[in-house]
Amino acid sequence: MAFGIGRSPLMMAMGMVVLAIFLGLLIHYLATPFGDVMGVSPDPFTRYFPEAAA
């Protein structure tokens, strides 16, 4: 039984750790949308909004 009485706190703790790591990585990637990690360049954005490149 996956969510039995004995293993329930352990499963909840593991779920919270995984959620915290996922949200931390998501915030990091969203904070730098044109970073090297995701491989996206700002060229399409600056093509349509040239004043933002300056």
N, C-alpha and C. Protein backbone atom coordinates (compact mmCIF):
# COMPACT_ATOMS: atom_id res chain seq x y z
N MET A 1 0.85 -1.17 0.00
CA MET A 1 0.00 0.00 0.00
C MET A 1 0.90 1.24 0.00
N ALA A 2 0.74 2.10 -0.98
CA ALA A 2 1.63 3.25 -1.14
C ALA A 2 1.42 4.32 -0.08
N PHE A 3 0.20 4.54 0.33
CA PHE A 3 -0.08 5.58 1.31
C PHE A 3 -0.60 4.97 2.61
N GLY A 4 0.10 3.98 3.09
CA GLY A 4 -0.28 3.35 4.35
C GLY A 4 0.04 4.25 5.53
N ILE A 5 -0.40 3.85 6.68
CA ILE A 5 -0.21 4.65 7.90
C ILE A 5 1.28 4.83 8.20
N GLY A 6 2.09 3.78 8.03
CA GLY A 6 3.49 3.85 8.38
C GLY A 6 4.33 4.67 7.41
N ARG A 7 3.99 4.68 6.13
CA ARG A 7 4.81 5.35 5.14
C ARG A 7 4.28 6.72 4.74
N SER A 8 3.18 7.13 5.26
CA SER A 8 2.56 8.38 4.83
C SER A 8 3.43 9.61 5.10
N PRO A 9 4.03 9.77 6.28
CA PRO A 9 4.88 10.95 6.49
C PRO A 9 6.12 10.95 5.58
N LEU A 10 6.67 9.79 5.31
CA LEU A 10 7.83 9.70 4.43
C LEU A 10 7.46 10.09 3.00
N MET A 11 6.35 9.61 2.51
CA MET A 11 5.91 9.94 1.16
C MET A 11 5.59 11.43 1.04
N MET A 12 4.99 12.00 2.07
CA MET A 12 4.67 13.41 2.04
C MET A 12 5.95 14.25 2.04
N ALA A 13 6.93 13.85 2.83
CA ALA A 13 8.20 14.58 2.87
C ALA A 13 8.92 14.49 1.53
N MET A 14 8.93 13.32 0.92
CA MET A 14 9.57 13.16 -0.38
C MET A 14 8.87 14.00 -1.43
N GLY A 15 7.57 14.05 -1.40
CA GLY A 15 6.81 14.87 -2.34
C GLY A 15 7.09 16.36 -2.16
N MET A 16 7.22 16.80 -0.94
CA MET A 16 7.53 18.20 -0.69
C MET A 16 8.93 18.56 -1.16
N VAL A 17 9.89 17.66 -0.99
CA VAL A 17 11.25 17.91 -1.45
C VAL A 17 11.29 18.00 -2.97
N VAL A 18 10.62 17.08 -3.64
CA VAL A 18 10.58 17.11 -5.10
C VAL A 18 9.89 18.38 -5.59
N LEU A 19 8.81 18.77 -4.95
CA LEU A 19 8.11 19.99 -5.34
C LEU A 19 8.98 21.22 -5.14
N ALA A 20 9.71 21.29 -4.03
CA ALA A 20 10.58 22.44 -3.77
C ALA A 20 11.70 22.53 -4.79
N ILE A 21 12.29 21.39 -5.16
CA ILE A 21 13.36 21.39 -6.17
C ILE A 21 12.80 21.80 -7.52
N PHE A 22 11.66 21.27 -7.89
CA PHE A 22 11.04 21.62 -9.17
C PHE A 22 10.71 23.11 -9.24
N LEU A 23 10.12 23.66 -8.19
CA LEU A 23 9.77 25.07 -8.20
C LEU A 23 11.02 25.96 -8.21
N GLY A 24 12.07 25.55 -7.51
CA GLY A 24 13.32 26.31 -7.55
C GLY A 24 13.92 26.36 -8.93
N LEU A 25 13.95 25.22 -9.62
CA LEU A 25 14.47 25.20 -10.99
C LEU A 25 13.57 25.99 -11.94
N LEU A 26 12.27 25.89 -11.76
CA LEU A 26 11.35 26.63 -12.61
C LEU A 26 11.54 28.14 -12.45
N ILE A 27 11.69 28.60 -11.22
CA ILE A 27 11.90 30.03 -10.97
C ILE A 27 13.23 30.47 -11.57
N HIS A 28 14.25 29.63 -11.45
CA HIS A 28 15.56 29.97 -12.01
C HIS A 28 15.48 30.09 -13.53
N TYR A 29 14.83 29.16 -14.19
CA TYR A 29 14.74 29.20 -15.65
C TYR A 29 13.86 30.35 -16.13
N LEU A 30 12.81 30.67 -15.40
CA LEU A 30 11.94 31.77 -15.80
C LEU A 30 12.56 33.13 -15.52
N ALA A 31 13.49 33.21 -14.57
CA ALA A 31 14.16 34.47 -14.27
C ALA A 31 15.16 34.84 -15.36
N THR A 32 15.69 33.85 -16.06
CA THR A 32 16.64 34.11 -17.14
C THR A 32 16.12 33.43 -18.41
N PRO A 33 15.13 34.03 -19.09
CA PRO A 33 14.52 33.36 -20.25
C PRO A 33 15.46 33.24 -21.44
N PHE A 34 16.45 34.12 -21.56
CA PHE A 34 17.36 34.05 -22.69
C PHE A 34 18.73 33.57 -22.26
N GLY A 35 18.80 32.78 -21.22
CA GLY A 35 20.06 32.28 -20.73
C GLY A 35 20.59 31.14 -21.59
N ASP A 36 21.77 30.67 -21.26
CA ASP A 36 22.40 29.60 -22.03
C ASP A 36 21.81 28.24 -21.72
N VAL A 37 21.13 28.10 -20.62
CA VAL A 37 20.65 26.78 -20.20
C VAL A 37 19.59 26.25 -21.15
N MET A 38 18.65 27.09 -21.53
CA MET A 38 17.55 26.63 -22.37
C MET A 38 17.87 26.76 -23.85
N GLY A 39 18.94 27.46 -24.22
CA GLY A 39 19.35 27.56 -25.60
C GLY A 39 18.48 28.46 -26.45
N VAL A 40 17.84 29.43 -25.85
CA VAL A 40 16.98 30.35 -26.58
C VAL A 40 17.73 31.67 -26.73
N SER A 41 17.75 32.21 -27.93
CA SER A 41 18.41 33.49 -28.14
C SER A 41 17.36 34.60 -28.18
N PRO A 42 17.76 35.85 -27.92
CA PRO A 42 16.80 36.95 -27.96
C PRO A 42 16.54 37.49 -29.36
N ASP A 43 17.03 36.83 -30.40
CA ASP A 43 16.88 37.34 -31.77
C ASP A 43 15.42 37.51 -32.21
N PRO A 44 14.52 36.55 -31.99
CA PRO A 44 13.12 36.78 -32.41
C PRO A 44 12.47 37.96 -31.69
N PHE A 45 12.83 38.15 -30.44
CA PHE A 45 12.26 39.27 -29.68
C PHE A 45 12.78 40.60 -30.20
N THR A 46 14.09 40.68 -30.43
CA THR A 46 14.67 41.95 -30.90
C THR A 46 14.32 42.22 -32.36
N ARG A 47 13.95 41.22 -33.11
CA ARG A 47 13.52 41.45 -34.49
C ARG A 47 12.23 42.25 -34.54
N TYR A 48 11.30 41.94 -33.66
CA TYR A 48 10.00 42.62 -33.66
C TYR A 48 9.97 43.84 -32.76
N PHE A 49 10.90 43.92 -31.79
CA PHE A 49 10.98 45.07 -30.89
C PHE A 49 12.41 45.59 -30.87
N PRO A 50 12.83 46.28 -31.93
CA PRO A 50 14.23 46.71 -32.00
C PRO A 50 14.60 47.74 -30.94
N GLU A 51 13.65 48.51 -30.44
CA GLU A 51 13.98 49.50 -29.41
C GLU A 51 14.32 48.84 -28.08
N ALA A 52 13.91 47.60 -27.88
CA ALA A 52 14.23 46.89 -26.64
C ALA A 52 15.67 46.40 -26.64
N ALA A 53 16.28 46.30 -27.80
CA ALA A 53 17.67 45.80 -27.90
C ALA A 53 18.67 46.87 -27.48
N ALA A 54 18.28 48.12 -27.54
CA ALA A 54 19.22 49.20 -27.23
C ALA A 54 19.43 49.38 -25.74
